[in-house]
């Protein structure tokens, strides 16, 4: 048996990329979300439209951007618009099929923390912050979240909820009035989690990458209508 020739991050990137459909309009976060989205663009989804909150629409970077302000995004984009237009016309206007987010911590209802570890006033760690993630989590047709899975990242109660998933579970997200469907998959180095259709806690869709749940039900234009209710799980 040959030695493993890929890293956990590379495995997560491939699994996440497989969930993007050609032609989808994707609001992309920096880091692993950007890596996965661009892998999809360079392989099975050449017509995926990548949007970054700094204004590039249809970005096609030849190297991975270091930040949303990286000039590579603007210079390779179909067009560049203002940040207010990205959020008001594209995101709030219902024109984003998929929001692709990373996280420092996540709870069982797919709420994420990118703000602080520990008390807000005297945190142990101050994280990069929200950026556009709260709006993406609320307004995108569907949301993908990617992060490594361990006892420090998957916790019972977040120190700070930066971006809402299913809030407190059950019907709470639907009753809140936010238009987006919410998280449909959490991609980790151990597998892919999808929400329970009734209670909304994340549960395993594939226990390890490469299983039947890996790469199924790609996200794209078919989801732009934002159906009500909660995401169904791919499997047990």
C-alpha atoms as a PDB file:
ATOM      1  CA  UNK A   1       0.000   0.000   0.000  1.00  0.00           C
ATOM      2  CA  UNK A   2       1.497   3.334  -1.044  1.00  0.00           C
ATOM      3  CA  UNK A   3       2.068   6.166   1.402  1.00  0.00           C
ATOM      4  CA  UNK A   4      -0.503   8.953   1.553  1.00  0.00           C
ATOM      5  CA  UNK A   5       0.666  11.628  -0.884  1.00  0.00           C
ATOM      6  CA  UNK A   6      -1.766  14.412   0.020  1.00  0.00           C
ATOM      7  CA  UNK A   7      -2.413  16.592   3.024  1.00  0.00           C
ATOM      8  CA  UNK A   8      -5.621  16.980   5.010  1.00  0.00           C
ATOM      9  CA  UNK A   9      -6.049  20.483   3.592  1.00  0.00           C
ATOM     10  CA  UNK A  10      -5.689  19.188   0.039  1.00  0.00           C
ATOM     11  CA  UNK A  11      -8.271  16.463   0.679  1.00  0.00           C
ATOM     12  CA  UNK A  12     -10.706  19.017   2.113  1.00  0.00           C
ATOM     13  CA  UNK A  13     -10.117  21.321  -0.844  1.00  0.00           C
ATOM     14  CA  UNK A  14     -10.930  18.592  -3.380  1.00  0.00           C
ATOM     15  CA  UNK A  15     -14.039  17.484  -1.476  1.00  0.00           C
ATOM     16  CA  UNK A  16     -15.278  21.067  -1.234  1.00  0.00           C
ATOM     17  CA  UNK A  17     -14.544  21.837  -4.889  1.00  0.00           C
ATOM     18  CA  UNK A  18     -16.643  18.866  -5.996  1.00  0.00           C
ATOM     19  CA  UNK A  19     -19.730  20.462  -4.451  1.00  0.00           C
ATOM     20  CA  UNK A  20     -19.693  23.450  -6.816  1.00  0.00           C
ATOM     21  CA  UNK A  21     -21.649  23.170 -10.040  1.00  0.00           C
ATOM     22  CA  UNK A  22     -20.601  24.695 -13.336  1.00  0.00           C
ATOM     23  CA  UNK A  23     -22.362  28.022 -13.821  1.00  0.00           C
ATOM     24  CA  UNK A  24     -22.933  28.658 -10.112  1.00  0.00           C
ATOM     25  CA  UNK A  25     -22.457  32.185  -8.774  1.00  0.00           C
ATOM     26  CA  UNK A  26     -20.244  31.791  -5.729  1.00  0.00           C
ATOM     27  CA  UNK A  27     -19.363  34.393  -3.081  1.00  0.00           C
ATOM     28  CA  UNK A  28     -15.907  33.311  -1.977  1.00  0.00           C
ATOM     29  CA  UNK A  29     -14.002  33.748   1.262  1.00  0.00           C
ATOM     30  CA  UNK A  30     -10.214  33.846   1.396  1.00  0.00           C
ATOM     31  CA  UNK A  31      -8.191  30.769   2.373  1.00  0.00           C
ATOM     32  CA  UNK A  32      -9.466  27.250   1.799  1.00  0.00           C
ATOM     33  CA  UNK A  33     -12.799  28.484   0.355  1.00  0.00           C
ATOM     34  CA  UNK A  34     -10.919  30.382  -2.338  1.00  0.00           C
ATOM     35  CA  UNK A  35      -8.618  27.431  -3.019  1.00  0.00           C
ATOM     36  CA  UNK A  36     -11.571  25.060  -3.410  1.00  0.00           C
ATOM     37  CA  UNK A  37     -13.589  27.443  -5.583  1.00  0.00           C
ATOM     38  CA  UNK A  38     -10.670  28.018  -7.926  1.00  0.00           C
ATOM     39  CA  UNK A  39      -9.955  24.288  -8.122  1.00  0.00           C
ATOM     40  CA  UNK A  40     -13.556  23.798  -9.232  1.00  0.00           C
ATOM     41  CA  UNK A  41     -13.117  26.565 -11.819  1.00  0.00           C
ATOM     42  CA  UNK A  42      -9.974  24.922 -13.214  1.00  0.00           C
ATOM     43  CA  UNK A  43     -11.505  21.444 -13.409  1.00  0.00           C
ATOM     44  CA  UNK A  44     -15.177  20.506 -13.713  1.00  0.00           C
ATOM     45  CA  UNK A  45     -16.732  23.999 -13.404  1.00  0.00           C
ATOM     46  CA  UNK A  46     -15.007  26.381 -15.852  1.00  0.00           C
ATOM     47  CA  UNK A  47     -18.060  28.659 -15.949  1.00  0.00           C
ATOM     48  CA  UNK A  48     -18.453  29.097 -12.206  1.00  0.00           C
ATOM     49  CA  UNK A  49     -18.631  32.826 -11.411  1.00  0.00           C
ATOM     50  CA  UNK A  50     -16.398  33.737  -8.468  1.00  0.00           C
ATOM     51  CA  UNK A  51     -17.273  36.918  -6.575  1.00  0.00           C
ATOM     52  CA  UNK A  52     -15.142  38.469  -3.826  1.00  0.00           C
ATOM     53  CA  UNK A  53     -16.405  41.124  -1.428  1.00  0.00           C
ATOM     54  CA  UNK A  54     -13.830  43.687  -2.600  1.00  0.00           C
ATOM     55  CA  UNK A  55     -15.718  43.932  -5.911  1.00  0.00           C
ATOM     56  CA  UNK A  56     -14.298  41.473  -8.507  1.00  0.00           C
ATOM     57  CA  UNK A  57     -16.953  39.526 -10.425  1.00  0.00           C
ATOM     58  CA  UNK A  58     -15.857  36.544 -12.482  1.00  0.00           C
ATOM     59  CA  UNK A  59     -12.354  36.509 -11.009  1.00  0.00           C
ATOM     60  CA  UNK A  60      -9.964  34.000 -12.609  1.00  0.00           C
ATOM     61  CA  UNK A  61      -6.739  34.303 -10.607  1.00  0.00           C
ATOM     62  CA  UNK A  62      -3.664  32.502 -11.899  1.00  0.00           C
ATOM     63  CA  UNK A  63      -2.276  32.399  -8.351  1.00  0.00           C
ATOM     64  CA  UNK A  64      -4.263  32.132  -5.142  1.00  0.00           C
ATOM     65  CA  UNK A  65      -5.080  35.569  -3.687  1.00  0.00           C
ATOM     66  CA  UNK A  66      -3.520  36.522  -0.369  1.00  0.00           C
ATOM     67  CA  UNK A  67      -6.507  38.682   0.579  1.00  0.00           C
ATOM     68  CA  UNK A  68      -9.675  40.154  -0.910  1.00  0.00           C
ATOM     69  CA  UNK A  69      -7.547  43.165  -1.842  1.00  0.00           C
ATOM     70  CA  UNK A  70      -5.096  41.153  -3.926  1.00  0.00           C
ATOM     71  CA  UNK A  71      -4.676  42.839  -7.319  1.00  0.00           C
ATOM     72  CA  UNK A  72      -4.765  39.453  -9.024  1.00  0.00           C
ATOM     73  CA  UNK A  73      -8.504  39.284  -8.402  1.00  0.00           C
ATOM     74  CA  UNK A  74      -9.296  42.626 -10.024  1.00  0.00           C
ATOM     75  CA  UNK A  75      -6.905  42.182 -12.939  1.00  0.00           C
ATOM     76  CA  UNK A  76      -8.408  38.798 -13.912  1.00  0.00           C
ATOM     77  CA  UNK A  77     -12.082  39.600 -13.264  1.00  0.00           C
ATOM     78  CA  UNK A  78     -14.775  40.125 -15.881  1.00  0.00           C
ATOM     79  CA  UNK A  79     -15.593  43.379 -14.108  1.00  0.00           C
ATOM     80  CA  UNK A  80     -15.066  45.113 -10.781  1.00  0.00           C
ATOM     81  CA  UNK A  81     -17.818  46.943  -8.929  1.00  0.00           C
ATOM     82  CA  UNK A  82     -18.038  48.720  -5.595  1.00  0.00           C
ATOM     83  CA  UNK A  83     -18.342  46.774  -2.354  1.00  0.00           C
ATOM     84  CA  UNK A  84     -21.816  48.257  -1.674  1.00  0.00           C
ATOM     85  CA  UNK A  85     -22.958  46.976  -5.070  1.00  0.00           C
ATOM     86  CA  UNK A  86     -21.594  43.500  -4.298  1.00  0.00           C
ATOM     87  CA  UNK A  87     -23.648  43.327  -1.135  1.00  0.00           C
ATOM     88  CA  UNK A  88     -26.774  45.253  -2.140  1.00  0.00           C
ATOM     89  CA  UNK A  89     -27.289  44.168  -5.752  1.00  0.00           C
ATOM     90  CA  UNK A  90     -25.643  40.740  -5.821  1.00  0.00           C
ATOM     91  CA  UNK A  91     -25.987  39.311  -2.327  1.00  0.00           C
ATOM     92  CA  UNK A  92     -29.130  40.986  -0.991  1.00  0.00           C
ATOM     93  CA  UNK A  93     -30.656  40.811  -4.467  1.00  0.00           C
ATOM     94  CA  UNK A  94     -30.644  37.000  -4.347  1.00  0.00           C
ATOM     95  CA  UNK A  95     -28.083  36.590  -7.132  1.00  0.00           C
ATOM     96  CA  UNK A  96     -25.607  34.455  -5.143  1.00  0.00           C
ATOM     97  CA  UNK A  97     -26.124  30.688  -5.374  1.00  0.00           C
ATOM     98  CA  UNK A  98     -23.437  29.614  -2.931  1.00  0.00           C
ATOM     99  CA  UNK A  99     -21.541  31.320  -0.122  1.00  0.00           C
ATOM    100  CA  UNK A 100     -18.213  29.645   0.667  1.00  0.00           C
ATOM    101  CA  UNK A 101     -16.919  30.333   4.185  1.00  0.00           C
ATOM    102  CA  UNK A 102     -14.156  29.267   6.528  1.00  0.00           C
ATOM    103  CA  UNK A 103     -14.355  29.357  10.326  1.00  0.00           C
ATOM    104  CA  UNK A 104     -12.264  29.161  13.473  1.00  0.00           C
ATOM    105  CA  UNK A 105     -15.027  27.459  15.479  1.00  0.00           C
ATOM    106  CA  UNK A 106     -18.424  25.933  14.745  1.00  0.00           C
ATOM    107  CA  UNK A 107     -21.231  24.601  16.943  1.00  0.00           C
ATOM    108  CA  UNK A 108     -23.750  21.799  16.380  1.00  0.00           C
ATOM    109  CA  UNK A 109     -26.149  24.169  14.593  1.00  0.00           C
ATOM    110  CA  UNK A 110     -23.464  25.361  12.140  1.00  0.00           C
ATOM    111  CA  UNK A 111     -23.162  28.826  13.702  1.00  0.00           C
ATOM    112  CA  UNK A 112     -19.569  29.982  13.244  1.00  0.00           C
ATOM    113  CA  UNK A 113     -17.106  32.102  15.175  1.00  0.00           C
ATOM    114  CA  UNK A 114     -14.382  34.153  13.509  1.00  0.00           C
ATOM    115  CA  UNK A 115     -14.250  36.920  16.131  1.00  0.00           C
ATOM    116  CA  UNK A 116     -12.719  35.889  19.490  1.00  0.00           C
ATOM    117  CA  UNK A 117     -11.754  32.885  21.572  1.00  0.00           C
ATOM    118  CA  UNK A 118     -12.663  33.567  25.198  1.00  0.00           C
ATOM    119  CA  UNK A 119     -14.493  36.597  26.628  1.00  0.00           C
ATOM    120  CA  UNK A 120     -15.035  39.365  24.079  1.00  0.00           C
ATOM    121  CA  UNK A 121     -13.554  42.091  26.322  1.00  0.00           C
ATOM    122  CA  UNK A 122     -10.477  40.035  27.268  1.00  0.00           C
ATOM    123  CA  UNK A 123     -10.142  37.290  24.675  1.00  0.00           C
ATOM    124  CA  UNK A 124      -7.503  34.586  24.698  1.00  0.00           C
ATOM    125  CA  UNK A 125      -7.266  34.975  20.926  1.00  0.00           C
ATOM    126  CA  UNK A 126      -8.624  37.766  18.766  1.00  0.00           C
ATOM    127  CA  UNK A 127      -9.534  36.332  15.368  1.00  0.00           C
ATOM    128  CA  UNK A 128      -9.661  38.143  11.998  1.00  0.00           C
ATOM    129  CA  UNK A 129     -13.306  39.127  12.468  1.00  0.00           C
ATOM    130  CA  UNK A 130     -16.512  39.006  10.492  1.00  0.00           C
ATOM    131  CA  UNK A 131     -15.773  40.676   7.169  1.00  0.00           C
ATOM    132  CA  UNK A 132     -18.757  39.922   4.961  1.00  0.00           C
ATOM    133  CA  UNK A 133     -19.408  36.474   6.448  1.00  0.00           C
ATOM    134  CA  UNK A 134     -22.538  37.371   8.486  1.00  0.00           C
ATOM    135  CA  UNK A 135     -24.254  38.772   5.400  1.00  0.00           C
ATOM    136  CA  UNK A 136     -23.154  35.834   3.253  1.00  0.00           C
ATOM    137  CA  UNK A 137     -24.403  33.338   5.843  1.00  0.00           C
ATOM    138  CA  UNK A 138     -27.783  35.092   5.936  1.00  0.00           C
ATOM    139  CA  UNK A 139     -28.330  36.008   2.282  1.00  0.00           C
ATOM    140  CA  UNK A 140     -26.582  33.461   0.023  1.00  0.00           C
ATOM    141  CA  UNK A 141     -28.848  30.803  -1.460  1.00  0.00           C
ATOM    142  CA  UNK A 142     -26.850  28.098   0.288  1.00  0.00           C
ATOM    143  CA  UNK A 143     -23.670  28.056   2.351  1.00  0.00           C
ATOM    144  CA  UNK A 144     -20.658  25.738   2.429  1.00  0.00           C
ATOM    145  CA  UNK A 145     -18.327  25.837   5.439  1.00  0.00           C
ATOM    146  CA  UNK A 146     -14.825  24.373   5.450  1.00  0.00           C
ATOM    147  CA  UNK A 147     -12.569  23.837   8.485  1.00  0.00           C
ATOM    148  CA  UNK A 148     -10.511  21.145  10.180  1.00  0.00           C
ATOM    149  CA  UNK A 149     -12.318  19.072  12.772  1.00  0.00           C
ATOM    150  CA  UNK A 150     -11.013  18.724  16.319  1.00  0.00           C
ATOM    151  CA  UNK A 151     -12.075  19.423  19.902  1.00  0.00           C
ATOM    152  CA  UNK A 152     -11.040  23.084  19.641  1.00  0.00           C
ATOM    153  CA  UNK A 153     -12.916  23.861  16.434  1.00  0.00           C
ATOM    154  CA  UNK A 154     -16.119  21.831  16.984  1.00  0.00           C
ATOM    155  CA  UNK A 155     -17.547  22.949  20.316  1.00  0.00           C
ATOM    156  CA  UNK A 156     -20.861  22.911  22.187  1.00  0.00           C
ATOM    157  CA  UNK A 157     -21.141  26.669  22.755  1.00  0.00           C
ATOM    158  CA  UNK A 158     -19.360  29.402  20.821  1.00  0.00           C
ATOM    159  CA  UNK A 159     -17.677  32.248  22.665  1.00  0.00           C
ATOM    160  CA  UNK A 160     -19.065  34.547  19.968  1.00  0.00           C
ATOM    161  CA  UNK A 161     -21.502  33.899  17.110  1.00  0.00           C
ATOM    162  CA  UNK A 162     -20.101  35.801  14.148  1.00  0.00           C
ATOM    163  CA  UNK A 163     -22.289  34.277  11.448  1.00  0.00           C
ATOM    164  CA  UNK A 164     -25.564  32.444  12.015  1.00  0.00           C
ATOM    165  CA  UNK A 165     -26.192  28.958  10.756  1.00  0.00           C
ATOM    166  CA  UNK A 166     -29.363  27.431  12.156  1.00  0.00           C
ATOM    167  CA  UNK A 167     -29.150  29.633  15.255  1.00  0.00           C
ATOM    168  CA  UNK A 168     -30.705  27.586  18.085  1.00  0.00           C
ATOM    169  CA  UNK A 169     -31.951  24.820  15.791  1.00  0.00           C
ATOM    170  CA  UNK A 170     -35.413  23.718  14.741  1.00  0.00           C
ATOM    171  CA  UNK A 171     -37.393  26.443  12.990  1.00  0.00           C
ATOM    172  CA  UNK A 172     -35.426  29.339  14.452  1.00  0.00           C
ATOM    173  CA  UNK A 173     -33.626  30.237  11.218  1.00  0.00           C
ATOM    174  CA  UNK A 174     -36.800  30.049   9.139  1.00  0.00           C
ATOM    175  CA  UNK A 175     -38.665  32.160  11.677  1.00  0.00           C
ATOM    176  CA  UNK A 176     -35.908  34.784  11.724  1.00  0.00           C
ATOM    177  CA  UNK A 177     -36.808  35.873   8.200  1.00  0.00           C
ATOM    178  CA  UNK A 178     -33.353  35.578   6.648  1.00  0.00           C
ATOM    179  CA  UNK A 179     -33.754  34.563   3.001  1.00  0.00           C
ATOM    180  CA  UNK A 180     -30.861  32.133   2.592  1.00  0.00           C
ATOM    181  CA  UNK A 181     -31.269  28.402   3.136  1.00  0.00           C
ATOM    182  CA  UNK A 182     -28.242  28.305   5.427  1.00  0.00           C
ATOM    183  CA  UNK A 183     -25.390  25.798   5.652  1.00  0.00           C
ATOM    184  CA  UNK A 184     -25.909  22.688   3.533  1.00  0.00           C
ATOM    185  CA  UNK A 185     -22.529  21.076   4.191  1.00  0.00           C
ATOM    186  CA  UNK A 186     -19.560  21.380   6.517  1.00  0.00           C
ATOM    187  CA  UNK A 187     -16.433  19.952   4.917  1.00  0.00           C
ATOM    188  CA  UNK A 188     -13.736  18.790   7.337  1.00  0.00           C
ATOM    189  CA  UNK A 189     -10.615  16.649   7.254  1.00  0.00           C
ATOM    190  CA  UNK A 190     -12.668  13.757   8.704  1.00  0.00           C
ATOM    191  CA  UNK A 191     -15.665  13.892   6.396  1.00  0.00           C
ATOM    192  CA  UNK A 192     -18.657  15.922   5.269  1.00  0.00           C
ATOM    193  CA  UNK A 193     -21.448  16.920   7.645  1.00  0.00           C
ATOM    194  CA  UNK A 194     -24.934  17.958   6.594  1.00  0.00           C
ATOM    195  CA  UNK A 195     -27.836  19.243   8.724  1.00  0.00           C
ATOM    196  CA  UNK A 196     -30.538  17.022  10.121  1.00  0.00           C
ATOM    197  CA  UNK A 197     -33.822  17.885   8.350  1.00  0.00           C
ATOM    198  CA  UNK A 198     -35.729  18.249  11.626  1.00  0.00           C
ATOM    199  CA  UNK A 199     -33.463  19.438  14.409  1.00  0.00           C
ATOM    200  CA  UNK A 200     -30.651  20.898  12.253  1.00  0.00           C
ATOM    201  CA  UNK A 201     -27.566  19.666  14.125  1.00  0.00           C
ATOM    202  CA  UNK A 202     -24.852  18.629  11.707  1.00  0.00           C
ATOM    203  CA  UNK A 203     -24.521  14.899  11.189  1.00  0.00           C
ATOM    204  CA  UNK A 204     -22.148  12.787   9.122  1.00  0.00           C
ATOM    205  CA  UNK A 205     -22.955  12.541   5.435  1.00  0.00           C
ATOM    206  CA  UNK A 206     -19.799  10.584   4.657  1.00  0.00           C
ATOM    207  CA  UNK A 207     -17.653   9.230   7.451  1.00  0.00           C
ATOM    208  CA  UNK A 208     -14.511   9.681   5.438  1.00  0.00           C
ATOM    209  CA  UNK A 209     -13.642  11.430   2.212  1.00  0.00           C
ATOM    210  CA  UNK A 210     -14.106   9.389  -0.914  1.00  0.00           C
ATOM    211  CA  UNK A 211     -17.358   7.858   0.383  1.00  0.00           C
ATOM    212  CA  UNK A 212     -20.717   7.939  -1.336  1.00  0.00           C
ATOM    213  CA  UNK A 213     -21.578  11.348   0.079  1.00  0.00           C
ATOM    214  CA  UNK A 214     -18.398  12.964  -1.205  1.00  0.00           C
ATOM    215  CA  UNK A 215     -19.068  15.130  -4.238  1.00  0.00           C
ATOM    216  CA  UNK A 216     -22.809  14.453  -4.476  1.00  0.00           C
ATOM    217  CA  UNK A 217     -25.469  17.102  -4.928  1.00  0.00           C
ATOM    218  CA  UNK A 218     -23.293  19.885  -6.270  1.00  0.00           C
ATOM    219  CA  UNK A 219     -24.507  23.381  -5.558  1.00  0.00           C
ATOM    220  CA  UNK A 220     -25.400  25.731  -8.347  1.00  0.00           C
ATOM    221  CA  UNK A 221     -28.043  27.641 -10.277  1.00  0.00           C
ATOM    222  CA  UNK A 222     -30.784  25.121  -9.518  1.00  0.00           C
ATOM    223  CA  UNK A 223     -30.715  26.299  -5.900  1.00  0.00           C
ATOM    224  CA  UNK A 224     -31.034  30.004  -6.702  1.00  0.00           C
ATOM    225  CA  UNK A 225     -34.762  29.960  -5.921  1.00  0.00           C
ATOM    226  CA  UNK A 226     -33.974  29.506  -2.193  1.00  0.00           C
ATOM    227  CA  UNK A 227     -36.557  26.904  -1.183  1.00  0.00           C
ATOM    228  CA  UNK A 228     -37.884  27.215   2.359  1.00  0.00           C
ATOM    229  CA  UNK A 229     -37.233  24.752   5.123  1.00  0.00           C
ATOM    230  CA  UNK A 230     -34.019  23.091   6.184  1.00  0.00           C
ATOM    231  CA  UNK A 231     -31.341  21.202   4.325  1.00  0.00           C
ATOM    232  CA  UNK A 232     -31.835  17.454   4.152  1.00  0.00           C
ATOM    233  CA  UNK A 233     -29.007  15.161   5.174  1.00  0.00           C
ATOM    234  CA  UNK A 234     -27.215  13.164   2.496  1.00  0.00           C
ATOM    235  CA  UNK A 235     -27.093  10.051   4.623  1.00  0.00           C
ATOM    236  CA  UNK A 236     -26.528   8.550   8.037  1.00  0.00           C
END
